[in-house]
Structure formats: C-alpha cells, structure tokens
mmCIF file of all heavy atoms, coordinates in Angstrom:
data_MODEL
# 
_entry.id   MODEL 
# 
loop_
_atom_site.group_PDB 
_atom_site.id 
_atom_site.type_symbol 
_atom_site.label_atom_id 
_atom_site.label_alt_id 
_atom_site.label_comp_id 
_atom_site.label_asym_id 
_atom_site.label_entity_id 
_atom_site.label_seq_id 
_atom_site.pdbx_PDB_ins_code 
_atom_site.Cartn_x 
_atom_site.Cartn_y 
_atom_site.Cartn_z 
_atom_site.occupancy 
_atom_site.B_iso_or_equiv 
_atom_site.pdbx_formal_charge 
_atom_site.auth_seq_id 
_atom_site.auth_comp_id 
_atom_site.auth_asym_id 
_atom_site.auth_atom_id 
_atom_site.pdbx_PDB_model_num 
ATOM 1   N N   . GLU A 1 1  ? 0.822  -1.223 -0.008  1.00 0.00 ? 1  GLU A N   1 
ATOM 2   C CA  . GLU A 1 1  ? 0.021  0.004  0.007   1.00 0.00 ? 1  GLU A CA  1 
ATOM 3   C C   . GLU A 1 1  ? 0.870  1.270  0.012   1.00 0.00 ? 1  GLU A C   1 
ATOM 4   O O   . GLU A 1 1  ? 0.364  2.329  -0.436  1.00 0.00 ? 1  GLU A O   1 
ATOM 5   C CB  . GLU A 1 1  ? -0.935 0.018  1.197   1.00 0.00 ? 1  GLU A CB  1 
ATOM 6   C CG  . GLU A 1 1  ? -1.926 -1.127 1.239   1.00 0.00 ? 1  GLU A CG  1 
ATOM 7   C CD  . GLU A 1 1  ? -1.392 -2.412 1.815   1.00 0.00 ? 1  GLU A CD  1 
ATOM 8   O OE1 . GLU A 1 1  ? -0.212 -2.436 2.222   1.00 0.00 ? 1  GLU A OE1 1 
ATOM 9   O OE2 . GLU A 1 1  ? -2.129 -3.398 1.820   1.00 0.00 ? 1  GLU A OE2 1 
ATOM 10  N N   . SER A 1 2  ? 2.066  1.220  0.513   1.00 0.00 ? 2  SER A N   1 
ATOM 11  C CA  . SER A 1 2  ? 2.902  2.417  0.640   1.00 0.00 ? 2  SER A CA  1 
ATOM 12  C C   . SER A 1 2  ? 4.144  2.452  -0.288  1.00 0.00 ? 2  SER A C   1 
ATOM 13  O O   . SER A 1 2  ? 4.872  3.406  -0.322  1.00 0.00 ? 2  SER A O   1 
ATOM 14  C CB  . SER A 1 2  ? 3.373  2.608  2.060   1.00 0.00 ? 2  SER A CB  1 
ATOM 15  O OG  . SER A 1 2  ? 4.122  1.519  2.499   1.00 0.00 ? 2  SER A OG  1 
ATOM 16  N N   . VAL A 1 3  ? 4.348  1.367  -1.062  1.00 0.00 ? 3  VAL A N   1 
ATOM 17  C CA  . VAL A 1 3  ? 5.521  1.246  -1.915  1.00 0.00 ? 3  VAL A CA  1 
ATOM 18  C C   . VAL A 1 3  ? 5.554  2.386  -2.946  1.00 0.00 ? 3  VAL A C   1 
ATOM 19  O O   . VAL A 1 3  ? 6.588  2.973  -3.209  1.00 0.00 ? 3  VAL A O   1 
ATOM 20  C CB  . VAL A 1 3  ? 5.591  -0.127 -2.580  1.00 0.00 ? 3  VAL A CB  1 
ATOM 21  C CG1 . VAL A 1 3  ? 6.645  -0.117 -3.699  1.00 0.00 ? 3  VAL A CG1 1 
ATOM 22  C CG2 . VAL A 1 3  ? 5.953  -1.202 -1.555  1.00 0.00 ? 3  VAL A CG2 1 
ATOM 23  N N   . ASP A 1 4  ? 4.410  2.653  -3.588  1.00 0.00 ? 4  ASP A N   1 
ATOM 24  C CA  . ASP A 1 4  ? 4.381  3.663  -4.635  1.00 0.00 ? 4  ASP A CA  1 
ATOM 25  C C   . ASP A 1 4  ? 4.853  5.025  -4.112  1.00 0.00 ? 4  ASP A C   1 
ATOM 26  O O   . ASP A 1 4  ? 5.580  5.736  -4.785  1.00 0.00 ? 4  ASP A O   1 
ATOM 27  C CB  . ASP A 1 4  ? 2.969  3.794  -5.214  1.00 0.00 ? 4  ASP A CB  1 
ATOM 28  C CG  . ASP A 1 4  ? 2.598  2.602  -6.066  1.00 0.00 ? 4  ASP A CG  1 
ATOM 29  O OD1 . ASP A 1 4  ? 3.511  1.853  -6.472  1.00 0.00 ? 4  ASP A OD1 1 
ATOM 30  O OD2 . ASP A 1 4  ? 1.407  2.437  -6.397  1.00 0.00 ? 4  ASP A OD2 1 
ATOM 31  N N   . ALA A 1 5  ? 4.414  5.382  -2.903  1.00 0.00 ? 5  ALA A N   1 
ATOM 32  C CA  . ALA A 1 5  ? 4.795  6.666  -2.332  1.00 0.00 ? 5  ALA A CA  1 
ATOM 33  C C   . ALA A 1 5  ? 6.309  6.721  -2.040  1.00 0.00 ? 5  ALA A C   1 
ATOM 34  O O   . ALA A 1 5  ? 6.967  7.724  -2.320  1.00 0.00 ? 5  ALA A O   1 
ATOM 35  C CB  . ALA A 1 5  ? 4.014  6.933  -1.060  1.00 0.00 ? 5  ALA A CB  1 
ATOM 36  N N   . VAL A 1 6  ? 6.844  5.600  -1.555  1.00 0.00 ? 6  VAL A N   1 
ATOM 37  C CA  . VAL A 1 6  ? 8.264  5.519  -1.262  1.00 0.00 ? 6  VAL A CA  1 
ATOM 38  C C   . VAL A 1 6  ? 9.082  5.654  -2.536  1.00 0.00 ? 6  VAL A C   1 
ATOM 39  O O   . VAL A 1 6  ? 10.065 6.429  -2.630  1.00 0.00 ? 6  VAL A O   1 
ATOM 40  C CB  . VAL A 1 6  ? 8.616  4.174  -0.567  1.00 0.00 ? 6  VAL A CB  1 
ATOM 41  C CG1 . VAL A 1 6  ? 10.134 3.998  -0.463  1.00 0.00 ? 6  VAL A CG1 1 
ATOM 42  C CG2 . VAL A 1 6  ? 7.965  4.107  0.834   1.00 0.00 ? 6  VAL A CG2 1 
ATOM 43  N N   . MET A 1 7  ? 8.680  4.956  -3.603  1.00 0.00 ? 7  MET A N   1 
ATOM 44  C CA  . MET A 1 7  ? 9.399  4.965  -4.826  1.00 0.00 ? 7  MET A CA  1 
ATOM 45  C C   . MET A 1 7  ? 9.293  6.348  -5.520  1.00 0.00 ? 7  MET A C   1 
ATOM 46  O O   . MET A 1 7  ? 10.217 6.808  -6.203  1.00 0.00 ? 7  MET A O   1 
ATOM 47  C CB  . MET A 1 7  ? 8.948  3.855  -5.767  1.00 0.00 ? 7  MET A CB  1 
ATOM 48  C CG  . MET A 1 7  ? 9.173  2.480  -5.243  1.00 0.00 ? 7  MET A CG  1 
ATOM 49  S SD  . MET A 1 7  ? 10.833 2.211  -4.534  1.00 0.00 ? 7  MET A SD  1 
ATOM 50  C CE  . MET A 1 7  ? 11.833 2.424  -6.048  1.00 0.00 ? 7  MET A CE  1 
ATOM 51  N N   . ARG A 1 8  ? 8.149  7.021  -5.340  1.00 0.00 ? 8  ARG A N   1 
ATOM 52  C CA  . ARG A 1 8  ? 7.966  8.354  -5.877  1.00 0.00 ? 8  ARG A CA  1 
ATOM 53  C C   . ARG A 1 8  ? 8.952  9.301  -5.267  1.00 0.00 ? 8  ARG A C   1 
ATOM 54  O O   . ARG A 1 8  ? 9.549  10.186 -5.953  1.00 0.00 ? 8  ARG A O   1 
ATOM 55  C CB  . ARG A 1 8  ? 6.549  8.801  -5.595  1.00 0.00 ? 8  ARG A CB  1 
ATOM 56  C CG  . ARG A 1 8  ? 6.230  10.178 -6.205  1.00 0.00 ? 8  ARG A CG  1 
ATOM 57  C CD  . ARG A 1 8  ? 4.807  10.580 -5.832  1.00 0.00 ? 8  ARG A CD  1 
ATOM 58  N NE  . ARG A 1 8  ? 4.504  11.959 -6.239  1.00 0.00 ? 8  ARG A NE  1 
ATOM 59  C CZ  . ARG A 1 8  ? 3.462  12.651 -5.836  1.00 0.00 ? 8  ARG A CZ  1 
ATOM 60  N NH1 . ARG A 1 8  ? 2.580  12.100 -5.011  1.00 0.00 ? 8  ARG A NH1 1 
ATOM 61  N NH2 . ARG A 1 8  ? 3.309  13.892 -6.235  1.00 0.00 ? 8  ARG A NH2 1 
ATOM 62  N N   . ILE A 1 9  ? 9.175  9.218  -3.960  1.00 0.00 ? 9  ILE A N   1 
ATOM 63  C CA  . ILE A 1 9  ? 10.144 10.043 -3.291  1.00 0.00 ? 9  ILE A CA  1 
ATOM 64  C C   . ILE A 1 9  ? 11.550 9.812  -3.811  1.00 0.00 ? 9  ILE A C   1 
ATOM 65  O O   . ILE A 1 9  ? 12.297 10.737 -4.170  1.00 0.00 ? 9  ILE A O   1 
ATOM 66  C CB  . ILE A 1 9  ? 10.090 9.851  -1.769  1.00 0.00 ? 9  ILE A CB  1 
ATOM 67  C CG1 . ILE A 1 9  ? 8.803  10.336 -1.179  1.00 0.00 ? 9  ILE A CG1 1 
ATOM 68  C CG2 . ILE A 1 9  ? 11.309 10.548 -1.081  1.00 0.00 ? 9  ILE A CG2 1 
ATOM 69  C CD1 . ILE A 1 9  ? 8.555  9.960  0.264   1.00 0.00 ? 9  ILE A CD1 1 
ATOM 70  N N   . ILE A 1 10 ? 11.929 8.524  -3.875  1.00 0.00 ? 10 ILE A N   1 
ATOM 71  C CA  . ILE A 1 10 ? 13.262 8.155  -4.309  1.00 0.00 ? 10 ILE A CA  1 
ATOM 72  C C   . ILE A 1 10 ? 13.539 8.621  -5.724  1.00 0.00 ? 10 ILE A C   1 
ATOM 73  O O   . ILE A 1 10 ? 14.636 9.137  -6.066  1.00 0.00 ? 10 ILE A O   1 
ATOM 74  C CB  . ILE A 1 10 ? 13.500 6.660  -4.153  1.00 0.00 ? 10 ILE A CB  1 
ATOM 75  C CG1 . ILE A 1 10 ? 13.521 6.296  -2.638  1.00 0.00 ? 10 ILE A CG1 1 
ATOM 76  C CG2 . ILE A 1 10 ? 14.801 6.212  -4.830  1.00 0.00 ? 10 ILE A CG2 1 
ATOM 77  C CD1 . ILE A 1 10 ? 13.619 4.783  -2.375  1.00 0.00 ? 10 ILE A CD1 1 
ATOM 78  N N   . GLU A 1 11 ? 12.585 8.454  -6.623  1.00 0.00 ? 11 GLU A N   1 
ATOM 79  C CA  . GLU A 1 11 ? 12.771 8.836  -8.000  1.00 0.00 ? 11 GLU A CA  1 
ATOM 80  C C   . GLU A 1 11 ? 12.866 10.355 -8.159  1.00 0.00 ? 11 GLU A C   1 
ATOM 81  O O   . GLU A 1 11 ? 13.632 10.871 -8.998  1.00 0.00 ? 11 GLU A O   1 
ATOM 82  C CB  . GLU A 1 11 ? 11.640 8.305  -8.890  1.00 0.00 ? 11 GLU A CB  1 
ATOM 83  C CG  . GLU A 1 11 ? 11.730 6.812  -9.128  1.00 0.00 ? 11 GLU A CG  1 
ATOM 84  C CD  . GLU A 1 11 ? 13.108 6.357  -9.623  1.00 0.00 ? 11 GLU A CD  1 
ATOM 85  O OE1 . GLU A 1 11 ? 13.602 6.928  -10.595 1.00 0.00 ? 11 GLU A OE1 1 
ATOM 86  O OE2 . GLU A 1 11 ? 13.699 5.455  -8.979  1.00 0.00 ? 11 GLU A OE2 1 
ATOM 87  N N   . ALA A 1 12 ? 12.142 11.111 -7.315  1.00 0.00 ? 12 ALA A N   1 
ATOM 88  C CA  . ALA A 1 12 ? 12.226 12.561 -7.326  1.00 0.00 ? 12 ALA A CA  1 
ATOM 89  C C   . ALA A 1 12 ? 13.609 12.977 -6.830  1.00 0.00 ? 12 ALA A C   1 
ATOM 90  O O   . ALA A 1 12 ? 14.223 13.963 -7.345  1.00 0.00 ? 12 ALA A O   1 
ATOM 91  C CB  . ALA A 1 12 ? 11.164 13.156 -6.440  1.00 0.00 ? 12 ALA A CB  1 
ATOM 92  N N   . PHE A 1 13 ? 14.188 12.268 -5.851  1.00 0.00 ? 13 PHE A N   1 
ATOM 93  C CA  . PHE A 1 13 ? 15.528 12.539 -5.376  1.00 0.00 ? 13 PHE A CA  1 
ATOM 94  C C   . PHE A 1 13 ? 16.563 12.191 -6.477  1.00 0.00 ? 13 PHE A C   1 
ATOM 95  O O   . PHE A 1 13 ? 17.483 12.939 -6.738  1.00 0.00 ? 13 PHE A O   1 
ATOM 96  C CB  . PHE A 1 13 ? 15.865 11.713 -4.163  1.00 0.00 ? 13 PHE A CB  1 
ATOM 97  C CG  . PHE A 1 13 ? 15.167 12.187 -2.889  1.00 0.00 ? 13 PHE A CG  1 
ATOM 98  C CD1 . PHE A 1 13 ? 15.295 11.460 -1.689  1.00 0.00 ? 13 PHE A CD1 1 
ATOM 99  C CD2 . PHE A 1 13 ? 14.327 13.295 -2.874  1.00 0.00 ? 13 PHE A CD2 1 
ATOM 100 C CE1 . PHE A 1 13 ? 14.701 11.876 -0.520  1.00 0.00 ? 13 PHE A CE1 1 
ATOM 101 C CE2 . PHE A 1 13 ? 13.730 13.730 -1.703  1.00 0.00 ? 13 PHE A CE2 1 
ATOM 102 C CZ  . PHE A 1 13 ? 13.892 13.007 -0.520  1.00 0.00 ? 13 PHE A CZ  1 
ATOM 103 N N   . ARG A 1 14 ? 16.339 11.026 -7.104  1.00 0.00 ? 14 ARG A N   1 
ATOM 104 C CA  . ARG A 1 14 ? 17.303 10.568 -8.118  1.00 0.00 ? 14 ARG A CA  1 
ATOM 105 C C   . ARG A 1 14 ? 17.401 11.514 -9.304  1.00 0.00 ? 14 ARG A C   1 
ATOM 106 O O   . ARG A 1 14 ? 18.477 11.753 -9.827  1.00 0.00 ? 14 ARG A O   1 
ATOM 107 C CB  . ARG A 1 14 ? 16.873 9.182  -8.633  1.00 0.00 ? 14 ARG A CB  1 
ATOM 108 C CG  . ARG A 1 14 ? 17.914 8.478  -9.477  1.00 0.00 ? 14 ARG A CG  1 
ATOM 109 C CD  . ARG A 1 14 ? 17.350 7.189  -10.028 1.00 0.00 ? 14 ARG A CD  1 
ATOM 110 N NE  . ARG A 1 14 ? 16.963 6.282  -8.976  1.00 0.00 ? 14 ARG A NE  1 
ATOM 111 C CZ  . ARG A 1 14 ? 17.807 5.509  -8.300  1.00 0.00 ? 14 ARG A CZ  1 
ATOM 112 N NH1 . ARG A 1 14 ? 19.079 5.518  -8.576  1.00 0.00 ? 14 ARG A NH1 1 
ATOM 113 N NH2 . ARG A 1 14 ? 17.337 4.696  -7.321  1.00 0.00 ? 14 ARG A NH2 1 
ATOM 114 N N   . THR A 1 15 ? 16.262 12.069 -9.725  1.00 0.00 ? 15 THR A N   1 
ATOM 115 C CA  . THR A 1 15 ? 16.242 12.953 -10.900 1.00 0.00 ? 15 THR A CA  1 
ATOM 116 C C   . THR A 1 15 ? 16.619 14.396 -10.507 1.00 0.00 ? 15 THR A C   1 
ATOM 117 O O   . THR A 1 15 ? 16.754 15.245 -11.419 1.00 0.00 ? 15 THR A O   1 
ATOM 118 C CB  . THR A 1 15 ? 14.875 12.957 -11.545 1.00 0.00 ? 15 THR A CB  1 
ATOM 119 O OG1 . THR A 1 15 ? 13.875 13.357 -10.581 1.00 0.00 ? 15 THR A OG1 1 
ATOM 120 C CG2 . THR A 1 15 ? 14.520 11.567 -12.065 1.00 0.00 ? 15 THR A CG2 1 
ATOM 121 N N   . GLY A 1 16 ? 16.713 14.718 -9.216  1.00 0.00 ? 16 GLY A N   1 
ATOM 122 C CA  . GLY A 1 16 ? 17.102 16.023 -8.828  1.00 0.00 ? 16 GLY A CA  1 
ATOM 123 C C   . GLY A 1 16 ? 15.906 16.982 -8.673  1.00 0.00 ? 16 GLY A C   1 
ATOM 124 O O   . GLY A 1 16 ? 16.097 18.169 -8.381  1.00 0.00 ? 16 GLY A O   1 
ATOM 125 N N   . ARG A 1 17 ? 14.674 16.514 -8.836  1.00 0.00 ? 17 ARG A N   1 
ATOM 126 C CA  . ARG A 1 17 ? 13.512 17.377 -8.697  1.00 0.00 ? 17 ARG A CA  1 
ATOM 127 C C   . ARG A 1 17 ? 13.258 17.806 -7.274  1.00 0.00 ? 17 ARG A C   1 
ATOM 128 O O   . ARG A 1 17 ? 12.722 18.881 -7.058  1.00 0.00 ? 17 ARG A O   1 
ATOM 129 C CB  . ARG A 1 17 ? 12.253 16.659 -9.295  1.00 0.00 ? 17 ARG A CB  1 
ATOM 130 C CG  . ARG A 1 17 ? 12.308 16.496 -10.806 1.00 0.00 ? 17 ARG A CG  1 
ATOM 131 C CD  . ARG A 1 17 ? 10.987 16.021 -11.375 1.00 0.00 ? 17 ARG A CD  1 
ATOM 132 N NE  . ARG A 1 17 ? 10.695 14.649 -10.914 1.00 0.00 ? 17 ARG A NE  1 
ATOM 133 C CZ  . ARG A 1 17 ? 9.711  14.356 -10.047 1.00 0.00 ? 17 ARG A CZ  1 
ATOM 134 N NH1 . ARG A 1 17 ? 8.993  15.300 -9.517  1.00 0.00 ? 17 ARG A NH1 1 
ATOM 135 N NH2 . ARG A 1 17 ? 9.512  13.094 -9.737  1.00 0.00 ? 17 ARG A NH2 1 
ATOM 136 N N   . LYS A 1 18 ? 13.588 16.924 -6.314  1.00 0.00 ? 18 LYS A N   1 
ATOM 137 C CA  . LYS A 1 18 ? 13.411 17.243 -4.907  1.00 0.00 ? 18 LYS A CA  1 
ATOM 138 C C   . LYS A 1 18 ? 14.619 16.804 -4.104  1.00 0.00 ? 18 LYS A C   1 
ATOM 139 O O   . LYS A 1 18 ? 15.403 15.954 -4.506  1.00 0.00 ? 18 LYS A O   1 
ATOM 140 C CB  . LYS A 1 18 ? 12.151 16.492 -4.398  1.00 0.00 ? 18 LYS A CB  1 
ATOM 141 C CG  . LYS A 1 18 ? 10.822 16.866 -5.065  1.00 0.00 ? 18 LYS A CG  1 
ATOM 142 C CD  . LYS A 1 18 ? 10.374 18.290 -4.631  1.00 0.00 ? 18 LYS A CD  1 
ATOM 143 C CE  . LYS A 1 18 ? 9.022  18.610 -5.223  1.00 0.00 ? 18 LYS A CE  1 
ATOM 144 N NZ  . LYS A 1 18 ? 8.556  19.958 -4.804  1.00 0.00 ? 18 LYS A NZ  1 
ATOM 145 N N   . ASP A 1 19 ? 14.739 17.436 -2.899  1.00 0.00 ? 19 ASP A N   1 
ATOM 146 C CA  . ASP A 1 19 ? 15.846 17.091 -2.008  1.00 0.00 ? 19 ASP A CA  1 
ATOM 147 C C   . ASP A 1 19 ? 15.363 16.615 -0.667  1.00 0.00 ? 19 ASP A C   1 
ATOM 148 O O   . ASP A 1 19 ? 16.129 15.974 0.085   1.00 0.00 ? 19 ASP A O   1 
ATOM 149 C CB  . ASP A 1 19 ? 16.767 18.318 -1.805  1.00 0.00 ? 19 ASP A CB  1 
ATOM 150 C CG  . ASP A 1 19 ? 17.560 18.602 -3.067  1.00 0.00 ? 19 ASP A CG  1 
ATOM 151 O OD1 . ASP A 1 19 ? 18.186 17.683 -3.606  1.00 0.00 ? 19 ASP A OD1 1 
ATOM 152 O OD2 . ASP A 1 19 ? 17.588 19.766 -3.498  1.00 0.00 ? 19 ASP A OD2 1 
ATOM 153 N N   . THR A 1 20 ? 14.133 16.934 -0.317  1.00 0.00 ? 20 THR A N   1 
ATOM 154 C CA  . THR A 1 20 ? 13.583 16.505 0.999   1.00 0.00 ? 20 THR A CA  1 
ATOM 155 C C   . THR A 1 20 ? 12.116 16.155 0.870   1.00 0.00 ? 20 THR A C   1 
ATOM 156 O O   . THR A 1 20 ? 11.419 16.571 -0.045  1.00 0.00 ? 20 THR A O   1 
ATOM 157 C CB  . THR A 1 20 ? 13.717 17.650 2.039   1.00 0.00 ? 20 THR A CB  1 
ATOM 158 O OG1 . THR A 1 20 ? 12.951 18.757 1.619   1.00 0.00 ? 20 THR A OG1 1 
ATOM 159 C CG2 . THR A 1 20 ? 15.165 18.002 2.283   1.00 0.00 ? 20 THR A CG2 1 
ATOM 160 N N   . ALA A 1 21 ? 11.675 15.314 1.823   1.00 0.00 ? 21 ALA A N   1 
ATOM 161 C CA  . ALA A 1 21 ? 10.269 14.993 1.942   1.00 0.00 ? 21 ALA A CA  1 
ATOM 162 C C   . ALA A 1 21 ? 9.970  14.874 3.454   1.00 0.00 ? 21 ALA A C   1 
ATOM 163 O O   . ALA A 1 21 ? 10.779 14.308 4.218   1.00 0.00 ? 21 ALA A O   1 
ATOM 164 C CB  . ALA A 1 21 ? 9.891  13.699 1.238   1.00 0.00 ? 21 ALA A CB  1 
ATOM 165 N N   . VAL A 1 22 ? 8.876  15.445 3.898   1.00 0.00 ? 22 VAL A N   1 
ATOM 166 C CA  . VAL A 1 22 ? 8.574  15.515 5.344   1.00 0.00 ? 22 VAL A CA  1 
ATOM 167 C C   . VAL A 1 22 ? 7.178  15.003 5.618   1.00 0.00 ? 22 VAL A C   1 
ATOM 168 O O   . VAL A 1 22 ? 6.218  15.295 4.908   1.00 0.00 ? 22 VAL A O   1 
ATOM 169 C CB  . VAL A 1 22 ? 8.674  16.990 5.866   1.00 0.00 ? 22 VAL A CB  1 
ATOM 170 C CG1 . VAL A 1 22 ? 8.451  17.027 7.361   1.00 0.00 ? 22 VAL A CG1 1 
ATOM 171 C CG2 . VAL A 1 22 ? 10.022 17.580 5.503   1.00 0.00 ? 22 VAL A CG2 1 
ATOM 172 N N   . PHE A 1 23 ? 7.093  14.177 6.694   1.00 0.00 ? 23 PHE A N   1 
ATOM 173 C CA  . PHE A 1 23 ? 5.794  13.658 7.163   1.00 0.00 ? 23 PHE A CA  1 
ATOM 174 C C   . PHE A 1 23 ? 5.757  13.756 8.685   1.00 0.00 ? 23 PHE A C   1 
ATOM 175 O O   . PHE A 1 23 ? 6.792  13.802 9.369   1.00 0.00 ? 23 PHE A O   1 
ATOM 176 C CB  . PHE A 1 23 ? 5.609  12.174 6.771   1.00 0.00 ? 23 PHE A CB  1 
ATOM 177 C CG  . PHE A 1 23 ? 5.758  11.908 5.301   1.00 0.00 ? 23 PHE A CG  1 
ATOM 178 C CD1 . PHE A 1 23 ? 7.010  11.663 4.732   1.00 0.00 ? 23 PHE A CD1 1 
ATOM 179 C CD2 . PHE A 1 23 ? 4.647  11.914 4.478   1.00 0.00 ? 23 PHE A CD2 1 
ATOM 180 C CE1 . PHE A 1 23 ? 7.101  11.425 3.365   1.00 0.00 ? 23 PHE A CE1 1 
ATOM 181 C CE2 . PHE A 1 23 ? 4.742  11.676 3.156   1.00 0.00 ? 23 PHE A CE2 1 
ATOM 182 C CZ  . PHE A 1 23 ? 5.985  11.429 2.590   1.00 0.00 ? 23 PHE A CZ  1 
ATOM 183 N N   . TRP A 1 24 ? 4.569  13.826 9.238   1.00 0.00 ? 24 TRP A N   1 
ATOM 184 C CA  . TRP A 1 24 ? 4.426  13.664 10.717  1.00 0.00 ? 24 TRP A CA  1 
ATOM 185 C C   . TRP A 1 24 ? 3.136  12.896 10.966  1.00 0.00 ? 24 TRP A C   1 
ATOM 186 O O   . TRP A 1 24 ? 2.150  13.002 10.286  1.00 0.00 ? 24 TRP A O   1 
ATOM 187 C CB  . TRP A 1 24 ? 4.416  15.041 11.407  1.00 0.00 ? 24 TRP A CB  1 
ATOM 188 C CG  . TRP A 1 24 ? 3.457  16.072 10.851  1.00 0.00 ? 24 TRP A CG  1 
ATOM 189 C CD1 . TRP A 1 24 ? 2.181  16.326 11.270  1.00 0.00 ? 24 TRP A CD1 1 
ATOM 190 C CD2 . TRP A 1 24 ? 3.743  17.007 9.777   1.00 0.00 ? 24 TRP A CD2 1 
ATOM 191 N NE1 . TRP A 1 24 ? 1.645  17.340 10.521  1.00 0.00 ? 24 TRP A NE1 1 
ATOM 192 C CE2 . TRP A 1 24 ? 2.580  17.779 9.606   1.00 0.00 ? 24 TRP A CE2 1 
ATOM 193 C CE3 . TRP A 1 24 ? 4.841  17.215 8.955   1.00 0.00 ? 24 TRP A CE3 1 
ATOM 194 C CZ2 . TRP A 1 24 ? 2.471  18.759 8.645   1.00 0.00 ? 24 TRP A CZ2 1 
ATOM 195 C CZ3 . TRP A 1 24 ? 4.750  18.211 7.999   1.00 0.00 ? 24 TRP A CZ3 1 
ATOM 196 C CH2 . TRP A 1 24 ? 3.572  18.999 7.845   1.00 0.00 ? 24 TRP A CH2 1 
ATOM 197 N N   . LEU A 1 25 ? 3.230  12.036 11.982  1.00 0.00 ? 25 LEU A N   1 
ATOM 198 C CA  . LEU A 1 25 ? 2.137  11.115 12.289  1.00 0.00 ? 25 LEU A CA  1 
ATOM 199 C C   . LEU A 1 25 ? 2.198  10.671 13.726  1.00 0.00 ? 25 LEU A C   1 
ATOM 200 O O   . LEU A 1 25 ? 3.175  10.925 14.458  1.00 0.00 ? 25 LEU A O   1 
ATOM 201 C CB  . LEU A 1 25 ? 2.212  9.902  11.336  1.00 0.00 ? 25 LEU A CB  1 
ATOM 202 C CG  . LEU A 1 25 ? 3.477  9.033  11.405  1.00 0.00 ? 25 LEU A CG  1 
ATOM 203 C CD1 . LEU A 1 25 ? 3.178  7.604  10.990  1.00 0.00 ? 25 LEU A CD1 1 
ATOM 204 C CD2 . LEU A 1 25 ? 4.525  9.593  10.421  1.00 0.00 ? 25 LEU A CD2 1 
# 
C-alpha cells in the first residue's frame, strides 16, 4: 500500500527534482 509513495520520493531525489520530503504522524 505504501511502496508507490516511497518509490515516488526516491525517483524525485534521483532525478534532482526534490531534495527533501517531510511527514508527521
């Protein structure tokens, strides 16, 4: 259920589009 979100973050990091992602729960 959460794999897609994790891979979306990593791919955004890999391509240089993003450098951080933040969550609180």
